[in-house]
């Protein structure tokens, strides 16, 4: 019964909901990045490289043996093109995520800056700023009184 109580606390605190929201947003973001890579970024890159489709590139170690339209032995090949495709996808996706996180950090920094009056500062940051100012005043008063 203790485990049910712990699970209830876990679910009620919002951790489960946060995880579910993260998974849903992650899936939607994955679709967005997939379209960005495959339909927006890779076509111009393919045009620049003369229409090379890297996924089709391979190093054939042994040709397939066929007889009368029947494959007797399969081709043995190293498909390095798929690795190049996956590497390019990884680099583009990684860079895209980097840009999104950088933008979010910039927005967060603006929101948490108490001196910036354009963006509303969260209450916890305002309270911490007020506490910090009060501590500075108190320290100055204590320094003056000790001299």
C-alpha atoms as a PDB file:
ATOM      1  CA  UNK A   1       0.000   0.000   0.000  1.00  0.00           C
ATOM      2  CA  UNK A   2       2.962   2.294   0.577  1.00  0.00           C
ATOM      3  CA  UNK A   3       3.870   2.178  -3.101  1.00  0.00           C
ATOM      4  CA  UNK A   4       0.335   3.235  -4.079  1.00  0.00           C
ATOM      5  CA  UNK A   5       0.581   6.177  -1.696  1.00  0.00           C
ATOM      6  CA  UNK A   6       3.947   7.171  -3.185  1.00  0.00           C
ATOM      7  CA  UNK A   7       2.541   6.864  -6.714  1.00  0.00           C
ATOM      8  CA  UNK A   8      -0.432   9.041  -5.773  1.00  0.00           C
ATOM      9  CA  UNK A   9       1.908  11.709  -4.362  1.00  0.00           C
ATOM     10  CA  UNK A  10       4.040  11.499  -7.517  1.00  0.00           C
ATOM     11  CA  UNK A  11       1.023  11.898  -9.802  1.00  0.00           C
ATOM     12  CA  UNK A  12      -0.625  14.644  -7.746  1.00  0.00           C
ATOM     13  CA  UNK A  13       2.527  16.755  -7.451  1.00  0.00           C
ATOM     14  CA  UNK A  14       2.469  17.216 -11.190  1.00  0.00           C
ATOM     15  CA  UNK A  15       5.557  15.192 -12.063  1.00  0.00           C
ATOM     16  CA  UNK A  16       3.542  12.762 -14.140  1.00  0.00           C
ATOM     17  CA  UNK A  17       1.710  15.576 -15.891  1.00  0.00           C
ATOM     18  CA  UNK A  18       5.002  17.374 -16.601  1.00  0.00           C
ATOM     19  CA  UNK A  19       6.445  14.198 -18.093  1.00  0.00           C
ATOM     20  CA  UNK A  20       3.349  13.643 -20.258  1.00  0.00           C
ATOM     21  CA  UNK A  21       3.449  17.239 -21.507  1.00  0.00           C
ATOM     22  CA  UNK A  22       7.165  16.876 -22.255  1.00  0.00           C
ATOM     23  CA  UNK A  23       6.577  13.710 -24.266  1.00  0.00           C
ATOM     24  CA  UNK A  24       3.719  15.282 -26.258  1.00  0.00           C
ATOM     25  CA  UNK A  25       5.671  18.458 -26.991  1.00  0.00           C
ATOM     26  CA  UNK A  26       8.744  16.365 -27.840  1.00  0.00           C
ATOM     27  CA  UNK A  27       6.763  14.324 -30.378  1.00  0.00           C
ATOM     28  CA  UNK A  28       5.353  17.476 -31.978  1.00  0.00           C
ATOM     29  CA  UNK A  29       8.808  19.080 -32.018  1.00  0.00           C
ATOM     30  CA  UNK A  30      10.214  15.914 -33.615  1.00  0.00           C
ATOM     31  CA  UNK A  31       7.706  16.214 -36.479  1.00  0.00           C
ATOM     32  CA  UNK A  32       8.562  19.885 -36.904  1.00  0.00           C
ATOM     33  CA  UNK A  33      12.309  19.260 -37.027  1.00  0.00           C
ATOM     34  CA  UNK A  34      11.846  16.258 -39.348  1.00  0.00           C
ATOM     35  CA  UNK A  35       9.963  18.422 -41.870  1.00  0.00           C
ATOM     36  CA  UNK A  36      12.526  21.208 -41.455  1.00  0.00           C
ATOM     37  CA  UNK A  37      15.407  18.840 -42.188  1.00  0.00           C
ATOM     38  CA  UNK A  38      13.892  16.693 -44.959  1.00  0.00           C
ATOM     39  CA  UNK A  39      11.779  19.268 -46.803  1.00  0.00           C
ATOM     40  CA  UNK A  40      13.533  22.599 -46.233  1.00  0.00           C
ATOM     41  CA  UNK A  41      17.248  22.107 -45.515  1.00  0.00           C
ATOM     42  CA  UNK A  42      18.186  18.924 -47.406  1.00  0.00           C
ATOM     43  CA  UNK A  43      16.744  19.849 -50.859  1.00  0.00           C
ATOM     44  CA  UNK A  44      19.032  22.904 -51.245  1.00  0.00           C
ATOM     45  CA  UNK A  45      21.961  20.826 -49.958  1.00  0.00           C
ATOM     46  CA  UNK A  46      21.134  18.152 -52.517  1.00  0.00           C
ATOM     47  CA  UNK A  47      21.048  20.832 -55.223  1.00  0.00           C
ATOM     48  CA  UNK A  48      24.470  22.125 -54.119  1.00  0.00           C
ATOM     49  CA  UNK A  49      25.960  18.619 -54.251  1.00  0.00           C
ATOM     50  CA  UNK A  50      24.621  17.941 -57.739  1.00  0.00           C
ATOM     51  CA  UNK A  51      21.578  15.933 -56.663  1.00  0.00           C
ATOM     52  CA  UNK A  52      23.551  13.260 -54.826  1.00  0.00           C
ATOM     53  CA  UNK A  53      21.347  11.074 -52.639  1.00  0.00           C
ATOM     54  CA  UNK A  54      23.712   9.970 -49.895  1.00  0.00           C
ATOM     55  CA  UNK A  55      21.371   7.250 -48.654  1.00  0.00           C
ATOM     56  CA  UNK A  56      21.948   5.283 -51.871  1.00  0.00           C
ATOM     57  CA  UNK A  57      25.748   5.314 -51.600  1.00  0.00           C
ATOM     58  CA  UNK A  58      27.395   2.005 -50.713  1.00  0.00           C
ATOM     59  CA  UNK A  59      30.616   0.097 -51.065  1.00  0.00           C
ATOM     60  CA  UNK A  60      29.834  -3.246 -52.727  1.00  0.00           C
ATOM     61  CA  UNK A  61      31.956  -6.061 -51.331  1.00  0.00           C
ATOM     62  CA  UNK A  62      30.312  -8.832 -53.319  1.00  0.00           C
ATOM     63  CA  UNK A  63      27.881  -8.458 -56.201  1.00  0.00           C
ATOM     64  CA  UNK A  64      24.568 -10.281 -56.131  1.00  0.00           C
ATOM     65  CA  UNK A  65      24.422 -13.447 -58.193  1.00  0.00           C
ATOM     66  CA  UNK A  66      21.285 -13.759 -60.300  1.00  0.00           C
ATOM     67  CA  UNK A  67      20.110 -16.340 -62.791  1.00  0.00           C
ATOM     68  CA  UNK A  68      16.973 -15.963 -64.866  1.00  0.00           C
ATOM     69  CA  UNK A  69      15.590 -13.151 -62.702  1.00  0.00           C
ATOM     70  CA  UNK A  70      16.173 -15.220 -59.559  1.00  0.00           C
ATOM     71  CA  UNK A  71      18.579 -13.979 -56.897  1.00  0.00           C
ATOM     72  CA  UNK A  72      20.870 -16.828 -55.917  1.00  0.00           C
ATOM     73  CA  UNK A  73      22.992 -14.846 -53.453  1.00  0.00           C
ATOM     74  CA  UNK A  74      22.311 -11.400 -52.054  1.00  0.00           C
ATOM     75  CA  UNK A  75      24.621  -8.463 -52.554  1.00  0.00           C
ATOM     76  CA  UNK A  76      26.995  -7.757 -49.672  1.00  0.00           C
ATOM     77  CA  UNK A  77      27.642  -4.035 -49.256  1.00  0.00           C
ATOM     78  CA  UNK A  78      28.580  -1.417 -46.697  1.00  0.00           C
ATOM     79  CA  UNK A  79      25.859   1.248 -46.779  1.00  0.00           C
ATOM     80  CA  UNK A  80      27.944   4.264 -45.772  1.00  0.00           C
ATOM     81  CA  UNK A  81      25.460   6.657 -47.386  1.00  0.00           C
ATOM     82  CA  UNK A  82      22.817   5.972 -44.750  1.00  0.00           C
ATOM     83  CA  UNK A  83      25.415   6.788 -42.092  1.00  0.00           C
ATOM     84  CA  UNK A  84      26.180  10.095 -43.833  1.00  0.00           C
ATOM     85  CA  UNK A  85      22.426  10.839 -44.013  1.00  0.00           C
ATOM     86  CA  UNK A  86      21.966  10.041 -40.310  1.00  0.00           C
ATOM     87  CA  UNK A  87      24.996  12.163 -39.401  1.00  0.00           C
ATOM     88  CA  UNK A  88      23.687  15.125 -41.386  1.00  0.00           C
ATOM     89  CA  UNK A  89      20.245  14.723 -39.779  1.00  0.00           C
ATOM     90  CA  UNK A  90      21.866  14.587 -36.342  1.00  0.00           C
ATOM     91  CA  UNK A  91      23.952  17.714 -36.936  1.00  0.00           C
ATOM     92  CA  UNK A  92      21.028  19.694 -38.347  1.00  0.00           C
ATOM     93  CA  UNK A  93      18.666  18.574 -35.572  1.00  0.00           C
ATOM     94  CA  UNK A  94      21.306  19.255 -32.916  1.00  0.00           C
ATOM     95  CA  UNK A  95      21.936  22.740 -34.286  1.00  0.00           C
ATOM     96  CA  UNK A  96      18.186  23.447 -34.506  1.00  0.00           C
ATOM     97  CA  UNK A  97      17.670  22.372 -30.891  1.00  0.00           C
ATOM     98  CA  UNK A  98      20.664  24.498 -29.873  1.00  0.00           C
ATOM     99  CA  UNK A  99      19.055  27.557 -31.508  1.00  0.00           C
ATOM    100  CA  UNK A 100      15.689  26.892 -29.847  1.00  0.00           C
ATOM    101  CA  UNK A 101      17.269  26.448 -26.397  1.00  0.00           C
ATOM    102  CA  UNK A 102      19.395  29.555 -26.920  1.00  0.00           C
ATOM    103  CA  UNK A 103      16.280  31.576 -27.812  1.00  0.00           C
ATOM    104  CA  UNK A 104      14.389  30.211 -24.793  1.00  0.00           C
ATOM    105  CA  UNK A 105      17.311  31.038 -22.468  1.00  0.00           C
ATOM    106  CA  UNK A 106      17.404  34.566 -23.869  1.00  0.00           C
ATOM    107  CA  UNK A 107      13.665  34.988 -23.251  1.00  0.00           C
ATOM    108  CA  UNK A 108      14.014  33.508 -19.749  1.00  0.00           C
ATOM    109  CA  UNK A 109      16.870  35.885 -18.949  1.00  0.00           C
ATOM    110  CA  UNK A 110      14.727  38.822 -20.088  1.00  0.00           C
ATOM    111  CA  UNK A 111      11.806  37.623 -17.996  1.00  0.00           C
ATOM    112  CA  UNK A 112      13.970  37.140 -14.902  1.00  0.00           C
ATOM    113  CA  UNK A 113      15.739  40.505 -15.198  1.00  0.00           C
ATOM    114  CA  UNK A 114      14.127  42.755 -12.558  1.00  0.00           C
ATOM    115  CA  UNK A 115      15.450  45.892 -14.285  1.00  0.00           C
ATOM    116  CA  UNK A 116      13.757  45.040 -17.589  1.00  0.00           C
ATOM    117  CA  UNK A 117      10.304  46.614 -17.471  1.00  0.00           C
ATOM    118  CA  UNK A 118       9.267  45.446 -20.962  1.00  0.00           C
ATOM    119  CA  UNK A 119       8.757  41.834 -19.855  1.00  0.00           C
ATOM    120  CA  UNK A 120       6.834  41.100 -16.649  1.00  0.00           C
ATOM    121  CA  UNK A 121       9.215  39.701 -14.029  1.00  0.00           C
ATOM    122  CA  UNK A 122       7.983  36.564 -12.239  1.00  0.00           C
ATOM    123  CA  UNK A 123       6.891  37.140  -8.627  1.00  0.00           C
ATOM    124  CA  UNK A 124       9.579  34.868  -7.161  1.00  0.00           C
ATOM    125  CA  UNK A 125      12.314  36.882  -8.916  1.00  0.00           C
ATOM    126  CA  UNK A 126      10.771  40.156  -7.729  1.00  0.00           C
ATOM    127  CA  UNK A 127      10.667  38.891  -4.140  1.00  0.00           C
ATOM    128  CA  UNK A 128      14.262  37.674  -4.306  1.00  0.00           C
ATOM    129  CA  UNK A 129      15.345  41.032  -5.705  1.00  0.00           C
ATOM    130  CA  UNK A 130      13.551  42.864  -2.884  1.00  0.00           C
ATOM    131  CA  UNK A 131      15.135  40.558  -0.305  1.00  0.00           C
ATOM    132  CA  UNK A 132      18.555  41.152  -1.851  1.00  0.00           C
ATOM    133  CA  UNK A 133      18.073  44.926  -1.744  1.00  0.00           C
ATOM    134  CA  UNK A 134      16.966  44.760   1.901  1.00  0.00           C
ATOM    135  CA  UNK A 135      20.001  42.655   2.817  1.00  0.00           C
ATOM    136  CA  UNK A 136      22.294  45.170   1.132  1.00  0.00           C
ATOM    137  CA  UNK A 137      20.672  48.028   3.087  1.00  0.00           C
ATOM    138  CA  UNK A 138      20.966  46.065   6.316  1.00  0.00           C
ATOM    139  CA  UNK A 139      24.648  45.305   5.677  1.00  0.00           C
ATOM    140  CA  UNK A 140      25.356  48.979   4.952  1.00  0.00           C
ATOM    141  CA  UNK A 141      23.624  50.019   8.203  1.00  0.00           C
ATOM    142  CA  UNK A 142      25.585  47.416  10.178  1.00  0.00           C
ATOM    143  CA  UNK A 143      28.869  48.611   8.632  1.00  0.00           C
ATOM    144  CA  UNK A 144      28.063  52.243   9.500  1.00  0.00           C
ATOM    145  CA  UNK A 145      27.096  51.345  13.072  1.00  0.00           C
ATOM    146  CA  UNK A 146      30.224  49.227  13.616  1.00  0.00           C
ATOM    147  CA  UNK A 147      32.511  52.143  12.537  1.00  0.00           C
END
